[in-house]
Amino acid sequence: MKFRSLFLATLAVMAMASCSNENDPITDNGNGEKNAIFNFSIALPNNGTTKADGNEAGTLKEQKVNNITLVLTYEGGIPVFTKTYQVNEFTQSGSIYTLTNAEQVSAGTATATIYVNNNGVPGNTTVETAVATGLGDYASTEGSGNFFMSGVSTSFSITANTLNTAPTVQVDRIAVKLDECTDTDGDADGKQTVFNVTAENSLVKKALTIQLTDYAYSNLNKKSNALASTKYYAASDFFNPFIENQEVTTPDLWTTTFQNATNTIDKDVTYCFENGATAPTKIYYKATVTLDGVTAGTTFYVDTNNNNELYTSFTDLNAAYNNALGTAYNLTEDSSNTDFMKEIGVRKYTSGICYYGAPIEEAGITRNNWYKLKVISIADLGLPEIDTPIPGAPTLLVFSVEVNQWNVWNKEIQL
């Protein structure tokens, strides 16, 4: 997978004295005379090569600013000043965009809430994806890009008839960026997708060659809180909903359409909403397993009740059970893995396919974070289904997660 160029961006909001724009929409609850003036600017990078230590700004589309909405809320919780600015209302000087016409506001104690790229204040405290193929305008890479961002300042005082400096407002993208970095291009760039397990370390005491072929995500949140207070959760609001070891129908994650859930390994990133630990967002890998000395694509069986004895055909397994699988357990060559597990504790690996699952973060995934996912080793044979219980079994997949927090947009407002 090729990584995109990464950029550093900062939103800085600064005060300047100027006339108020009488044509701008302002909501006023009558808390006092507008006798404080302010202006603000946004600062963007000059090029696409800058990085902050430990952070990555993302692509130009991910940091593009199209519009900014400012909401000043005074004591009592009533918004008295709300306005949305378009980019063409800013004067550009290099990487600094300064509002051309300053505003006047009332004195008092207030907080500043900022919404970027929403073209106004969200209609609800929660936002929702409109379709099951992405986050729409909350994380759009169409055109020049549109990523929704938000943030709230601490409380500050606005003094009448003087220049006021508000605390810095940091805004985060509402989206989470999931980036599967394990490659399937023949290891041309050194990324590994074929893993070998020695017979000594193998569950079935045969050497294994495991090839990762596909991946999919489960429990992708349909909704998110507009502001970063708590993570939204409702059991019914997931794409690809799935919790292991519960009496529910196991979904086929590879036939769904949400974002990149149908991708093979070396596709683009997936943007989704943040999600907590109650039903964590997970990644599942599909792999093909070739057993030493066994033809690739062969269906094989592992008897968990008999020291994980390996059988490479139904005939051999049936013989081990005194040719009674059909009469005693109603099992045939066409029976599913679930049938075999329930009846005799045998795992059936159809066509040599197995699955691995791993949570992206045990505590949940968080907005404005970029999760780079790469398999670095596989310890043993996976599961024949994504929901096959294996009580007491060791961890099968060693999984690394590199978390890169996108750089936030910093706003400094002087009132």
Protein backbone atom coordinates (compact mmCIF):
# COMPACT_ATOMS: atom_id res chain seq x y z
CA MET A 1 0.00 0.00 0.00
CA LYS A 2 1.35 3.39 -0.82
CA PHE A 3 1.08 5.94 1.89
CA ARG A 4 -0.29 9.34 1.08
CA SER A 5 1.68 12.52 1.60
CA LEU A 6 1.17 13.82 5.07
CA PHE A 7 0.63 17.39 6.09
CA LEU A 8 0.65 19.49 9.25
CA ALA A 9 -2.16 21.98 9.72
CA THR A 10 -2.99 24.44 12.46
CA LEU A 11 -6.01 26.67 12.93
CA ALA A 12 -5.04 29.90 14.67
CA VAL A 13 -7.74 32.43 15.47
CA MET A 14 -6.46 35.92 16.27
CA ALA A 15 -8.14 39.15 17.24
CA MET A 16 -8.12 42.32 15.16
CA ALA A 17 -10.18 45.46 15.42
CA SER A 18 -12.47 46.23 12.50
CA CYS A 19 -16.06 47.13 11.62
CA SER A 20 -18.82 44.59 12.07
CA ASN A 21 -20.47 43.12 9.01
CA GLU A 22 -24.12 44.17 9.26
CA ASN A 23 -25.21 41.58 6.70
CA ASP A 24 -23.98 38.52 8.62
CA PRO A 25 -26.53 36.26 10.34
CA ILE A 26 -26.25 36.76 14.11
CA THR A 27 -28.36 35.26 16.85
CA ASP A 28 -28.66 37.52 19.87
CA ASN A 29 -30.45 36.72 23.12
CA GLY A 30 -30.28 40.32 24.30
CA ASN A 31 -27.53 39.81 26.86
CA GLY A 32 -26.06 43.22 26.20
CA GLU A 33 -24.61 45.69 23.77
CA LYS A 34 -22.17 44.39 21.18
CA ASN A 35 -19.19 46.34 22.43
CA ALA A 36 -16.25 43.95 21.91
CA ILE A 37 -14.59 43.42 18.53
CA PHE A 38 -12.72 40.45 17.15
CA ASN A 39 -11.38 38.88 14.01
CA PHE A 40 -9.81 35.49 13.36
CA SER A 41 -7.47 33.75 10.96
CA ILE A 42 -6.67 30.20 9.91
CA ALA A 43 -3.12 29.08 9.25
CA LEU A 44 -2.46 26.29 6.73
CA PRO A 45 0.84 24.64 5.69
CA ASN A 46 2.74 25.86 2.65
CA ASN A 47 3.54 22.39 1.33
CA GLY A 48 2.76 18.74 1.80
CA THR A 49 5.91 17.48 3.47
CA THR A 50 5.60 18.81 7.01
CA LYS A 51 5.22 16.47 9.97
CA ALA A 52 4.93 17.13 13.67
CA ASP A 53 6.71 14.79 16.08
CA GLY A 54 4.43 11.84 16.69
CA ASN A 55 1.60 13.24 14.59
CA GLU A 56 0.71 13.20 10.91
CA ALA A 57 -1.54 15.82 9.39
CA GLY A 58 -2.93 13.63 6.61
CA THR A 59 -3.65 14.43 3.00
CA LEU A 60 -4.61 17.82 1.58
CA LYS A 61 -8.20 16.61 1.30
CA GLU A 62 -8.25 15.54 4.95
CA GLN A 63 -7.16 18.98 6.12
CA LYS A 64 -9.03 21.14 3.60
CA VAL A 65 -11.02 23.99 5.16
CA ASN A 66 -14.15 24.98 3.26
CA ASN A 67 -16.13 26.83 5.93
CA ILE A 68 -15.99 27.60 9.65
CA THR A 69 -18.91 28.10 12.02
CA LEU A 70 -18.38 30.00 15.28
CA VAL A 71 -20.86 29.73 18.18
CA LEU A 72 -20.33 31.91 21.25
CA THR A 73 -22.35 30.62 24.20
CA TYR A 74 -22.65 32.89 27.22
CA GLU A 75 -23.44 31.96 30.82
CA GLY A 76 -26.88 30.39 30.94
CA GLY A 77 -26.22 28.21 27.90
CA ILE A 78 -27.83 30.44 25.30
CA PRO A 79 -25.96 31.00 22.00
CA VAL A 80 -25.81 34.72 21.37
CA PHE A 81 -23.53 34.76 18.37
CA THR A 82 -23.58 32.19 15.58
CA LYS A 83 -22.05 32.67 12.19
CA THR A 84 -20.71 30.54 9.34
CA TYR A 85 -17.86 31.84 7.20
CA GLN A 86 -16.92 30.59 3.74
CA VAL A 87 -13.30 30.43 2.64
CA ASN A 88 -13.81 33.25 0.15
CA GLU A 89 -14.56 35.56 3.11
CA PHE A 90 -10.93 35.25 4.18
CA THR A 91 -7.97 37.22 2.88
CA GLN A 92 -4.98 35.00 2.14
CA SER A 93 -1.41 35.95 2.93
CA GLY A 94 0.84 32.98 2.27
CA SER A 95 -0.48 30.19 4.50
CA ILE A 96 -2.60 32.55 6.64
CA TYR A 97 -6.28 33.15 5.90
CA THR A 98 -7.67 36.15 7.79
CA LEU A 99 -11.33 37.10 8.01
CA THR A 100 -11.75 40.24 5.92
CA ASN A 101 -14.50 41.83 8.03
CA ALA A 102 -14.32 41.73 11.83
CA GLU A 103 -17.26 41.13 14.15
CA GLN A 104 -18.69 42.71 17.29
CA VAL A 105 -19.97 40.66 20.23
CA SER A 106 -21.33 41.28 23.72
CA ALA A 107 -19.26 41.35 26.88
CA GLY A 108 -19.64 38.50 29.37
CA THR A 109 -18.38 35.01 30.17
CA ALA A 110 -18.55 32.66 27.20
CA THR A 111 -17.28 29.52 25.50
CA ALA A 112 -16.51 29.21 21.81
CA THR A 113 -17.67 26.17 19.83
CA ILE A 114 -16.18 25.69 16.38
CA TYR A 115 -17.54 23.54 13.55
CA VAL A 116 -15.40 23.19 10.42
CA ASN A 117 -16.76 21.99 7.07
CA ASN A 118 -20.37 21.57 8.19
CA ASN A 119 -21.60 24.85 6.66
CA GLY A 120 -23.44 25.64 9.88
CA VAL A 121 -24.31 24.16 13.25
CA PRO A 122 -25.32 20.45 13.13
CA GLY A 123 -29.06 19.99 13.47
CA ASN A 124 -28.61 17.37 16.21
CA THR A 125 -26.07 16.55 18.88
CA THR A 126 -25.40 13.30 16.98
CA VAL A 127 -24.55 12.98 13.31
CA GLU A 128 -25.24 9.95 11.12
CA THR A 129 -23.97 8.53 7.86
CA ALA A 130 -26.51 8.97 5.10
CA VAL A 131 -25.56 5.83 3.16
CA ALA A 132 -23.81 2.56 3.89
CA THR A 133 -20.82 3.33 1.70
CA GLY A 134 -18.95 5.96 3.71
CA LEU A 135 -19.29 8.99 5.94
CA GLY A 136 -20.47 11.36 3.21
CA ASP A 137 -19.53 14.99 3.89
CA TYR A 138 -18.24 14.06 7.35
CA ALA A 139 -15.22 12.48 5.66
CA SER A 140 -15.39 13.12 1.94
CA THR A 141 -12.46 12.77 -0.44
CA GLU A 142 -14.53 13.97 -3.38
CA GLY A 143 -13.28 17.09 -5.12
CA SER A 144 -10.92 19.01 -2.86
CA GLY A 145 -12.16 17.16 0.24
CA ASN A 146 -14.51 17.86 3.13
CA PHE A 147 -13.81 16.51 6.63
CA PHE A 148 -16.06 17.61 9.49
CA MET A 149 -14.16 18.91 12.54
CA SER A 150 -15.26 20.34 15.86
CA GLY A 151 -13.99 21.65 19.18
CA VAL A 152 -14.97 23.66 22.25
CA SER A 153 -12.91 26.20 24.19
CA THR A 154 -12.67 26.56 27.93
CA SER A 155 -14.73 29.35 29.53
CA PHE A 156 -13.30 32.84 29.13
CA SER A 157 -14.25 36.44 29.89
CA ILE A 158 -15.03 39.08 27.28
CA THR A 159 -14.44 42.63 28.53
CA ALA A 160 -16.31 45.54 27.00
CA ASN A 161 -14.56 48.22 24.95
CA THR A 162 -11.25 46.41 24.76
CA LEU A 163 -9.43 43.76 22.78
CA ASN A 164 -10.03 40.26 24.18
CA THR A 165 -7.98 37.11 23.72
CA ALA A 166 -9.90 33.85 23.85
CA PRO A 167 -8.29 30.52 24.79
CA THR A 168 -7.10 28.29 21.98
CA VAL A 169 -9.79 26.10 20.48
CA GLN A 170 -8.54 22.77 19.17
CA VAL A 171 -10.72 21.02 16.62
CA ASP A 172 -10.54 17.34 15.68
CA ARG A 173 -11.79 15.48 12.67
CA ILE A 174 -14.86 13.52 13.68
CA ALA A 175 -13.69 10.60 11.51
CA VAL A 176 -11.46 7.69 12.43
CA LYS A 177 -9.00 6.56 9.77
CA LEU A 178 -8.45 2.80 9.44
CA ASP A 179 -5.50 1.91 7.23
CA GLU A 180 -4.75 -1.74 6.48
CA CYS A 181 -1.06 -1.75 5.59
CA THR A 182 -0.36 -5.44 5.00
CA ASP A 183 0.35 -5.81 1.29
CA THR A 184 -0.43 -8.46 -1.35
CA ASP A 185 1.83 -7.25 -4.14
CA GLY A 186 4.34 -10.08 -4.06
CA ASP A 187 6.32 -8.44 -1.25
CA ALA A 188 7.83 -6.01 -3.73
CA ASP A 189 7.98 -3.35 -1.03
CA GLY A 190 9.04 -5.71 1.74
CA LYS A 191 5.62 -6.08 3.36
CA GLN A 192 4.79 -9.63 4.31
CA THR A 193 1.50 -11.42 3.66
CA VAL A 194 2.74 -15.02 3.57
CA PHE A 195 3.62 -16.53 6.94
CA ASN A 196 5.13 -19.90 7.78
CA VAL A 197 4.52 -21.95 10.90
CA THR A 198 6.87 -24.82 11.70
CA ALA A 199 5.53 -28.30 12.45
CA GLU A 200 6.90 -28.01 15.98
CA ASN A 201 4.79 -24.91 16.65
CA SER A 202 1.75 -26.00 14.69
CA LEU A 203 -1.47 -27.13 16.33
CA VAL A 204 -1.69 -30.04 13.89
CA LYS A 205 2.04 -30.89 13.98
CA LYS A 206 2.49 -30.10 10.31
CA ALA A 207 4.27 -27.16 8.76
CA LEU A 208 1.84 -24.49 7.57
CA THR A 209 1.99 -21.82 4.88
CA ILE A 210 -0.61 -19.12 5.54
CA GLN A 211 -1.51 -16.52 2.91
CA LEU A 212 -3.62 -13.53 3.92
CA THR A 213 -6.09 -12.71 1.14
CA ASP A 214 -8.84 -10.39 2.43
CA TYR A 215 -9.91 -8.31 5.36
CA ALA A 216 -13.15 -6.81 6.68
CA TYR A 217 -14.26 -4.69 9.63
CA SER A 218 -17.06 -5.35 12.08
CA ASN A 219 -19.03 -2.97 14.31
CA LEU A 220 -18.57 0.22 12.34
CA ASN A 221 -20.59 2.93 14.06
CA LYS A 222 -23.36 4.57 12.03
CA LYS A 223 -23.52 7.62 14.32
CA SER A 224 -21.24 9.88 16.32
CA ASN A 225 -21.58 12.74 18.74
CA ALA A 226 -20.91 16.00 16.93
CA LEU A 227 -18.64 17.14 19.77
CA ALA A 228 -16.01 15.02 21.47
CA SER A 229 -17.71 14.46 24.82
CA THR A 230 -18.49 10.75 24.97
CA LYS A 231 -18.49 8.02 22.33
CA TYR A 232 -21.89 7.28 20.87
CA TYR A 233 -23.18 3.73 21.35
CA ALA A 234 -26.42 1.96 20.50
CA ALA A 235 -26.55 -1.77 19.81
CA SER A 236 -28.69 -1.23 16.70
CA ASP A 237 -26.46 1.42 15.11
CA PHE A 238 -23.67 -0.59 13.50
CA PHE A 239 -22.68 -1.58 10.02
CA ASN A 240 -21.46 -5.20 10.06
CA PRO A 241 -22.69 -5.79 13.64
CA PHE A 242 -21.01 -8.81 15.18
CA ILE A 243 -20.00 -9.92 18.68
CA GLU A 244 -18.24 -13.25 18.98
CA ASN A 245 -19.58 -16.18 20.99
CA GLN A 246 -23.12 -14.85 21.14
CA GLU A 247 -26.17 -16.73 19.91
CA VAL A 248 -26.62 -14.57 16.83
CA THR A 249 -26.31 -15.22 13.14
CA THR A 250 -22.72 -14.78 12.03
CA PRO A 251 -22.58 -12.25 9.19
CA ASP A 252 -20.64 -12.76 6.00
CA LEU A 253 -18.45 -9.70 6.34
CA TRP A 254 -17.17 -10.10 2.80
CA THR A 255 -20.53 -9.51 1.11
CA THR A 256 -21.32 -6.19 2.77
CA THR A 257 -20.88 -2.81 1.11
CA PHE A 258 -19.84 -0.43 3.87
CA GLN A 259 -16.80 1.52 2.77
CA ASN A 260 -13.89 -0.86 2.12
CA ALA A 261 -15.30 -3.92 3.87
CA THR A 262 -15.11 -5.91 0.64
CA ASN A 263 -11.52 -4.95 -0.14
CA THR A 264 -8.61 -7.24 -0.57
CA ILE A 265 -5.58 -6.35 1.48
CA ASP A 266 -3.95 -3.61 -0.60
CA LYS A 267 -6.88 -1.19 -1.01
CA ASP A 268 -7.54 2.30 0.30
CA VAL A 269 -8.24 3.45 3.83
CA THR A 270 -11.61 3.25 5.55
CA TYR A 271 -13.15 6.25 7.31
CA CYS A 272 -15.61 5.50 10.08
CA PHE A 273 -16.96 6.98 13.30
CA GLU A 274 -15.38 6.38 16.70
CA ASN A 275 -16.58 3.46 18.80
CA GLY A 276 -16.11 2.35 22.41
CA ALA A 277 -15.32 -0.96 24.09
CA THR A 278 -18.85 -2.35 24.55
CA ALA A 279 -18.93 -3.78 21.03
CA PRO A 280 -15.47 -2.81 19.74
CA THR A 281 -14.63 -2.31 16.11
CA LYS A 282 -12.55 -5.27 14.94
CA ILE A 283 -10.69 -6.36 11.85
CA TYR A 284 -11.02 -9.87 10.45
CA TYR A 285 -8.61 -11.51 8.03
CA LYS A 286 -9.34 -14.33 5.62
CA ALA A 287 -6.44 -16.62 4.76
CA THR A 288 -5.65 -19.77 2.83
CA VAL A 289 -3.70 -22.51 4.58
CA THR A 290 -1.48 -25.02 2.82
CA LEU A 291 -0.42 -28.03 4.89
CA ASP A 292 2.97 -29.59 4.30
CA GLY A 293 2.51 -32.52 1.92
CA VAL A 294 -1.17 -31.75 1.28
CA THR A 295 -2.56 -30.29 -1.95
CA ALA A 296 -3.45 -26.60 -1.67
CA GLY A 297 -7.19 -25.98 -1.37
CA THR A 298 -7.86 -29.33 0.31
CA THR A 299 -10.64 -29.44 2.91
CA PHE A 300 -9.24 -30.81 6.14
CA TYR A 301 -10.51 -31.56 9.65
CA VAL A 302 -8.99 -31.07 13.12
CA ASP A 303 -10.33 -33.20 15.99
CA THR A 304 -10.11 -31.03 19.11
CA ASN A 305 -11.16 -33.98 21.29
CA ASN A 306 -8.31 -36.15 20.09
CA ASN A 307 -5.13 -34.10 20.55
CA ASN A 308 -5.95 -32.02 17.46
CA GLU A 309 -5.54 -34.98 15.17
CA LEU A 310 -5.48 -33.94 11.52
CA TYR A 311 -7.60 -35.61 8.82
CA THR A 312 -7.24 -34.59 5.20
CA SER A 313 -10.49 -36.15 4.00
CA PHE A 314 -13.97 -36.92 5.26
CA THR A 315 -13.33 -40.59 4.55
CA ASP A 316 -10.37 -40.69 6.94
CA LEU A 317 -12.30 -38.82 9.63
CA ASN A 318 -15.30 -41.13 9.24
CA ALA A 319 -13.05 -44.18 9.55
CA ALA A 320 -11.67 -42.82 12.83
CA TYR A 321 -15.28 -42.72 14.10
CA ASN A 322 -15.98 -46.31 13.01
CA ASN A 323 -17.76 -45.06 9.88
CA ALA A 324 -20.62 -43.83 12.09
CA LEU A 325 -20.58 -40.09 11.38
CA GLY A 326 -23.68 -40.39 9.23
CA THR A 327 -25.71 -42.78 11.33
CA ALA A 328 -24.74 -41.57 14.80
CA TYR A 329 -24.29 -37.82 14.20
CA ASN A 330 -26.04 -37.13 10.88
CA LEU A 331 -22.80 -35.69 9.48
CA THR A 332 -21.83 -35.82 5.83
CA GLU A 333 -19.06 -34.39 3.69
CA ASP A 334 -21.31 -31.39 3.04
CA SER A 335 -22.02 -30.62 6.71
CA SER A 336 -20.80 -27.25 7.98
CA ASN A 337 -18.07 -26.54 10.48
CA THR A 338 -20.76 -25.55 12.98
CA ASP A 339 -22.38 -28.98 12.58
CA PHE A 340 -19.08 -30.78 13.11
CA MET A 341 -18.20 -28.65 16.14
CA LYS A 342 -21.56 -29.15 17.81
CA GLU A 343 -21.72 -32.89 17.21
CA ILE A 344 -18.17 -34.15 17.70
CA GLY A 345 -15.89 -31.15 18.41
CA VAL A 346 -14.17 -31.29 15.02
CA ARG A 347 -13.22 -28.19 13.06
CA LYS A 348 -13.81 -28.30 9.34
CA TYR A 349 -11.56 -26.09 7.19
CA THR A 350 -13.41 -25.90 3.89
CA SER A 351 -10.99 -25.51 0.95
CA GLY A 352 -8.23 -24.77 3.46
CA ILE A 353 -9.64 -21.38 4.43
CA CYS A 354 -9.26 -19.95 7.93
CA TYR A 355 -9.96 -16.64 9.71
CA TYR A 356 -8.30 -14.40 12.26
CA GLY A 357 -9.83 -11.56 14.26
CA ALA A 358 -8.28 -8.77 16.28
CA PRO A 359 -9.66 -5.65 18.00
CA ILE A 360 -8.16 -2.48 16.63
CA GLU A 361 -8.04 -1.05 20.16
CA GLU A 362 -9.35 -2.88 23.23
CA ALA A 363 -10.60 0.41 24.68
CA GLY A 364 -12.23 1.45 21.40
CA ILE A 365 -11.25 3.64 18.47
CA THR A 366 -11.18 7.42 18.84
CA ARG A 367 -11.93 10.30 16.46
CA ASN A 368 -9.08 12.07 14.72
CA ASN A 369 -6.86 9.00 15.12
CA TRP A 370 -5.24 7.16 12.26
CA TYR A 371 -4.83 3.44 12.92
CA LYS A 372 -2.24 1.75 10.70
CA LEU A 373 -2.89 -1.98 10.83
CA LYS A 374 -0.26 -4.49 9.80
CA VAL A 375 0.06 -8.20 10.56
CA ILE A 376 3.63 -8.92 11.64
CA SER A 377 3.38 -12.63 12.47
CA ILE A 378 0.96 -15.53 12.68
CA ALA A 379 1.51 -18.06 15.44
CA ASP A 380 -0.69 -20.91 14.26
CA LEU A 381 -3.74 -22.12 12.37
CA GLY A 382 -6.72 -19.77 12.47
CA LEU A 383 -10.41 -20.60 12.88
CA PRO A 384 -12.59 -22.23 10.21
CA GLU A 385 -15.26 -19.57 10.85
CA ILE A 386 -14.99 -16.11 12.38
CA ASP A 387 -17.10 -17.27 15.33
CA THR A 388 -15.68 -20.70 16.14
CA PRO A 389 -15.18 -21.02 19.92
CA ILE A 390 -11.82 -22.41 20.98
CA PRO A 391 -11.84 -22.49 24.81
CA GLY A 392 -8.42 -22.19 26.30
CA ALA A 393 -6.65 -21.76 22.97
CA PRO A 394 -3.61 -19.46 22.79
CA THR A 395 -3.53 -16.21 20.82
CA LEU A 396 -3.16 -17.09 17.15
CA LEU A 397 -2.42 -13.74 15.60
CA VAL A 398 0.30 -11.35 16.66
CA PHE A 399 -0.99 -7.96 15.58
CA SER A 400 0.60 -4.51 15.64
CA VAL A 401 -1.30 -1.23 15.69
CA GLU A 402 0.40 2.07 15.00
CA VAL A 403 -1.80 4.92 16.20
CA ASN A 404 -1.12 8.29 14.61
CA GLN A 405 -3.20 11.18 15.86
CA TRP A 406 -4.00 13.58 13.07
CA ASN A 407 -2.82 17.05 13.87
CA VAL A 408 -5.60 19.22 15.21
CA TRP A 409 -6.62 22.60 13.90
CA ASN A 410 -5.78 25.19 16.58
CA LYS A 411 -7.96 28.28 16.82
CA GLU A 412 -7.00 31.31 18.85
CA ILE A 413 -9.90 33.78 19.17
CA GLN A 414 -9.39 37.28 20.45
CA LEU A 415 -12.59 39.05 21.36
